């Protein structure tokens, strides 16, 4: 099982800065997802900025979420364990 998200910060250009439960820090680019179904609402920067951690993953108020395994595996790691 991959590490889960402990903290999230929404950055410019639809990037999430993530701290994982194993101590790694990474960034995840949400831009490729913004034209797909429920994720299109994330195009609004004010709404995107409402990202928060719930249940080890990132969620938004209208129940959008991204699989925690995807967040870990596809993130660019800034620091390692």
Protein backbone atom coordinates (compact mmCIF):
# COMPACT_ATOMS: atom_id res chain seq x y z
CA UNK A 1 0.00 0.00 0.00
CA UNK A 2 1.32 3.42 -0.94
CA UNK A 3 1.62 6.22 1.62
CA UNK A 4 -1.41 8.43 2.15
CA UNK A 5 -1.69 12.20 2.04
CA UNK A 6 -1.18 14.02 5.35
CA UNK A 7 -1.31 17.63 4.14
CA UNK A 8 -2.13 19.46 0.93
CA UNK A 9 -1.53 22.99 -0.32
CA UNK A 10 -3.12 24.19 -3.57
CA UNK A 11 -0.56 26.12 -5.62
CA UNK A 12 -0.75 28.14 -8.84
CA UNK A 13 -1.34 26.44 -12.19
CA UNK A 14 -3.45 23.67 -10.64
CA UNK A 15 -0.60 22.05 -8.74
CA UNK A 16 -1.02 20.37 -5.37
CA UNK A 17 1.87 20.26 -2.92
CA UNK A 18 1.51 17.10 -0.87
CA UNK A 19 3.10 15.70 2.26
CA UNK A 20 2.72 11.93 2.48
CA UNK A 21 2.50 9.71 5.55
CA UNK A 22 6.04 8.41 4.94
CA UNK A 23 7.46 11.96 5.13
CA UNK A 24 7.96 12.44 1.40
CA UNK A 25 6.91 15.75 -0.16
CA UNK A 26 5.75 15.94 -3.74
CA UNK A 27 3.78 17.93 -6.27
CA UNK A 28 0.88 16.67 -8.35
CA UNK A 29 -0.22 18.47 -11.51
CA UNK A 30 -4.03 18.44 -11.77
CA UNK A 31 -4.13 20.31 -15.11
CA UNK A 32 -4.46 17.15 -17.25
CA UNK A 33 -7.65 16.20 -15.35
CA UNK A 34 -9.50 19.54 -15.58
CA UNK A 35 -11.48 18.72 -18.74
CA UNK A 36 -12.87 15.44 -17.44
CA UNK A 37 -16.37 15.24 -15.95
CA UNK A 38 -16.56 16.24 -12.30
CA UNK A 39 -13.03 17.65 -12.35
CA UNK A 40 -14.00 20.50 -14.70
CA UNK A 41 -15.22 22.43 -11.65
CA UNK A 42 -11.59 22.56 -10.48
CA UNK A 43 -10.84 25.01 -13.33
CA UNK A 44 -12.09 27.77 -11.02
CA UNK A 45 -8.94 28.78 -9.07
CA UNK A 46 -10.97 29.77 -6.02
CA UNK A 47 -12.64 26.37 -5.94
CA UNK A 48 -9.36 24.54 -6.62
CA UNK A 49 -7.85 26.32 -3.61
CA UNK A 50 -10.43 24.63 -1.35
CA UNK A 51 -8.55 21.31 -1.56
CA UNK A 52 -8.28 19.54 1.77
CA UNK A 53 -7.20 16.16 3.13
CA UNK A 54 -9.83 13.62 4.09
CA UNK A 55 -9.30 9.92 4.59
CA UNK A 56 -5.71 10.06 3.36
CA UNK A 57 -6.48 11.70 0.04
CA UNK A 58 -7.33 15.10 -1.43
CA UNK A 59 -10.98 16.15 -1.72
CA UNK A 60 -12.98 19.25 -2.66
CA UNK A 61 -16.36 20.48 -1.33
CA UNK A 62 -18.47 18.94 -4.11
CA UNK A 63 -17.01 15.48 -3.48
CA UNK A 64 -14.32 15.43 -6.15
CA UNK A 65 -11.35 13.36 -5.05
CA UNK A 66 -8.25 11.79 -6.52
CA UNK A 67 -7.14 8.27 -5.68
CA UNK A 68 -4.37 8.43 -3.07
CA UNK A 69 -2.34 5.85 -5.00
CA UNK A 70 -2.50 8.07 -8.09
CA UNK A 71 -1.42 11.08 -6.05
CA UNK A 72 1.60 9.21 -4.72
CA UNK A 73 2.65 7.38 -7.87
CA UNK A 74 2.22 10.32 -10.26
CA UNK A 75 3.63 13.03 -8.01
CA UNK A 76 7.04 14.58 -8.55
CA UNK A 77 8.90 13.98 -5.31
CA UNK A 78 10.64 17.01 -3.83
CA UNK A 79 12.08 15.15 -0.85
CA UNK A 80 12.47 11.50 0.01
CA UNK A 81 12.11 9.51 3.16
